[in-house]
Structure formats: structure tokens, C-alpha cells
Protein backbone atom coordinates (compact mmCIF):
# COMPACT_ATOMS: atom_id res chain seq x y z
CA UNK A 1 27.54 -0.63 14.91
CA UNK A 2 29.47 2.52 14.13
CA UNK A 3 32.79 2.14 12.33
CA UNK A 4 35.22 5.00 12.11
CA UNK A 5 38.92 5.74 12.43
CA UNK A 6 39.87 2.05 12.35
CA UNK A 7 37.94 1.10 15.51
CA UNK A 8 34.51 -0.41 15.96
CA UNK A 9 32.01 1.05 18.41
CA UNK A 10 28.93 -0.93 19.35
CA UNK A 11 25.90 1.15 20.20
CA UNK A 12 23.58 0.26 23.06
CA UNK A 13 20.90 -0.79 20.57
CA UNK A 14 23.40 -3.00 18.72
CA UNK A 15 24.53 -4.61 21.96
CA UNK A 16 20.91 -5.30 22.93
CA UNK A 17 20.24 -6.92 19.58
CA UNK A 18 23.35 -9.07 19.86
CA UNK A 19 22.33 -10.19 23.36
CA UNK A 20 18.87 -11.14 22.05
CA UNK A 21 20.51 -13.25 19.34
CA UNK A 22 22.79 -14.94 21.88
CA UNK A 23 19.87 -15.69 24.21
CA UNK A 24 17.76 -17.04 21.34
CA UNK A 25 20.66 -19.23 20.20
CA UNK A 26 21.20 -20.57 23.71
CA UNK A 27 17.50 -21.34 24.07
CA UNK A 28 17.57 -23.32 20.84
CA UNK A 29 20.66 -25.22 21.95
CA UNK A 30 19.08 -26.04 25.32
CA UNK A 31 15.84 -27.17 23.65
CA UNK A 32 17.85 -29.43 21.35
CA UNK A 33 19.83 -30.85 24.28
CA UNK A 34 16.62 -31.46 26.23
CA UNK A 35 15.08 -33.29 23.26
CA UNK A 36 18.23 -35.37 22.89
CA UNK A 37 18.26 -36.17 26.61
CA UNK A 38 14.61 -37.23 26.42
CA UNK A 39 15.44 -39.53 23.51
CA UNK A 40 18.34 -41.03 25.47
CA UNK A 41 16.05 -41.61 28.46
CA UNK A 42 13.54 -43.37 26.23
CA UNK A 43 16.22 -45.54 24.65
CA UNK A 44 17.67 -46.34 28.05
CA UNK A 45 14.24 -47.46 29.26
CA UNK A 46 13.95 -49.74 26.24
CA UNK A 47 17.42 -51.06 27.00
CA UNK A 48 16.50 -51.51 30.67
CA UNK A 49 13.58 -53.70 29.62
CA UNK A 50 15.96 -55.87 27.63
CA UNK A 51 18.51 -56.32 30.42
CA UNK A 52 16.23 -56.25 33.46
CA UNK A 53 15.83 -60.01 33.46
CA UNK A 54 19.58 -60.27 34.02
CA UNK A 55 19.45 -58.14 37.18
CA UNK A 56 18.69 -60.01 40.36
CA UNK A 57 18.73 -58.86 43.97
CA UNK A 58 22.27 -60.17 44.34
CA UNK A 59 23.37 -57.98 41.43
CA UNK A 60 21.48 -54.93 42.68
CA UNK A 61 23.39 -51.89 41.31
CA UNK A 62 22.08 -49.60 44.07
CA UNK A 63 22.70 -51.86 47.02
CA UNK A 64 20.51 -53.59 49.51
CA UNK A 65 18.22 -50.71 50.42
CA UNK A 66 15.06 -51.36 52.38
CA UNK A 67 11.94 -50.78 50.34
CA UNK A 68 8.71 -48.93 51.13
CA UNK A 69 5.38 -50.85 51.29
CA UNK A 70 4.72 -50.87 47.51
CA UNK A 71 7.05 -53.33 45.86
CA UNK A 72 7.13 -53.77 42.10
CA UNK A 73 7.65 -57.17 40.54
CA UNK A 74 11.19 -58.53 40.54
CA UNK A 75 11.51 -57.72 36.84
CA UNK A 76 10.20 -54.16 37.25
CA UNK A 77 12.30 -53.51 40.36
CA UNK A 78 15.36 -54.48 38.31
CA UNK A 79 14.30 -52.03 35.61
CA UNK A 80 13.71 -49.27 38.17
CA UNK A 81 17.04 -49.85 39.90
CA UNK A 82 18.77 -49.84 36.52
CA UNK A 83 17.02 -46.56 35.70
CA UNK A 84 18.07 -45.10 39.06
CA UNK A 85 21.68 -46.12 38.60
CA UNK A 86 22.11 -45.20 34.95
CA UNK A 87 19.55 -42.54 34.06
CA UNK A 88 19.48 -40.66 37.34
CA UNK A 89 23.20 -41.34 37.73
CA UNK A 90 23.97 -39.68 34.41
CA UNK A 91 23.16 -36.30 36.01
CA UNK A 92 23.36 -37.00 39.74
CA UNK A 93 26.59 -39.02 39.55
CA UNK A 94 26.90 -42.77 39.14
CA UNK A 95 27.07 -43.13 42.93
CA UNK A 96 24.29 -40.52 43.30
CA UNK A 97 26.66 -38.28 45.27
CA UNK A 98 26.17 -35.37 42.88
CA UNK A 99 27.23 -34.34 39.42
CA UNK A 100 25.39 -31.96 37.14
CA UNK A 101 22.45 -32.44 39.49
CA UNK A 102 22.53 -32.47 43.29
CA UNK A 103 23.41 -35.48 45.41
CA UNK A 104 20.62 -38.00 46.03
CA UNK A 105 22.11 -39.52 49.17
CA UNK A 106 20.14 -40.08 52.36
CA UNK A 107 21.92 -37.13 54.01
CA UNK A 108 21.26 -34.84 51.05
CA UNK A 109 17.55 -35.73 51.09
CA UNK A 110 17.04 -35.16 54.84
CA UNK A 111 14.08 -32.92 55.44
CA UNK A 112 12.35 -33.95 52.23
CA UNK A 113 9.39 -36.31 52.34
CA UNK A 114 9.07 -39.36 50.12
CA UNK A 115 6.05 -37.69 48.52
CA UNK A 116 8.03 -34.53 47.72
CA UNK A 117 10.87 -36.54 46.19
CA UNK A 118 8.40 -38.64 44.18
CA UNK A 119 6.77 -35.46 42.88
CA UNK A 120 10.14 -34.13 41.68
CA UNK A 121 10.85 -37.50 40.04
CA UNK A 122 7.49 -37.54 38.25
CA UNK A 123 7.17 -33.89 37.26
CA UNK A 124 10.79 -32.74 37.11
CA UNK A 125 12.20 -29.29 37.65
CA UNK A 126 12.39 -27.78 34.19
CA UNK A 127 14.08 -24.59 35.41
CA UNK A 128 16.94 -26.73 36.72
CA UNK A 129 17.12 -29.10 33.76
CA UNK A 130 15.46 -32.05 35.51
CA UNK A 131 13.11 -33.78 33.04
CA UNK A 132 9.78 -35.24 34.14
CA UNK A 133 9.72 -39.03 34.43
CA UNK A 134 5.93 -39.35 34.51
CA UNK A 135 5.82 -40.84 30.98
CA UNK A 136 7.92 -43.75 32.26
CA UNK A 137 6.94 -44.13 35.93
CA UNK A 138 3.68 -44.55 37.80
CA UNK A 139 3.08 -42.66 41.04
CA UNK A 140 3.68 -45.86 43.02
CA UNK A 141 6.97 -46.50 41.23
CA UNK A 142 8.13 -42.92 41.86
CA UNK A 143 7.23 -43.34 45.55
CA UNK A 144 9.12 -46.65 45.62
CA UNK A 145 12.22 -45.01 44.10
CA UNK A 146 11.95 -42.09 46.53
CA UNK A 147 11.77 -44.61 49.38
CA UNK A 148 14.86 -46.35 48.06
CA UNK A 149 16.68 -43.01 48.00
CA UNK A 150 15.52 -42.14 51.53
CA UNK A 151 16.12 -45.72 52.74
CA UNK A 152 12.89 -45.64 54.73
CA UNK A 153 11.13 -48.57 56.34
């Protein structure tokens, strides 16, 4: 930075250095937010285990969607529906019509296969801020959730 005559002039090199500092700071903030979000997901899964026994088909937070061939136990399906409503809903909107993340409605998912959706669920999209759910979901469970979202037979 060059200072003279009561005004400050930032050189190209100084501006580049400042931009590097800003980018580094933003990367650290995003890494911290991602770690915090991962912790919240973990805690929510623990909470889902505690309340899943209270969720029955009549209290289904997602609705009466048809399910694909694999069907988890009643307890696990309650946990998965709770996860879909609360964890997915925290980014995709509580009604899954969009929020920070895109809508997960049947219309929004047209043209995407259940397998493709399940892959995104399991492995995430880190460039877009979508965390991977593979530590919490099996392939079959991800396919089941994708089927719920697509409302397939």
C-alpha cells in the first residue's frame, strides 16, 4: 500500500494479497460451517433414534408416499422419514420445495433416476454444500429415500 498526500493507494500486488487473505478466511469459515453442520446431522440422527418409536405411519411427516421394493423396518422407516423431513428439510425447505438447496419435489426430480438421486444422497455434492450421508445411510436406505422422493411404485 502506498500512502501519500492524505490518500491511500493500493497496488496490484497489495490487492492480490488482500484477496488471498479474504479467500483463505472464507475457506476457513466454510470448513467450520461444514464441520458444524456435520455435527448437527450426527446429533439429529441420535435424536431421530430416540423419537423414532413415536412416529407411526399415521404420523408420517412426509405423507403417504408409495415405497420402492426395499422397505426398512417400521422403526427405521420412521427414523428415515424424520431425517428426510428435518435434516434434508433444513436445506431443501421443510416442505422440500426448495431453500438453500434445490426443491426435492416429484416435478423437480423428473428426469433423474432413483439410482442417481440415491448416489447424490450417499455421496453428496461438496461443491454445492451437500454433505455425504453415507456414514448414516446404507445404499438400500438411500434408494428407499430416493423412491419416496420420486414417489415411484
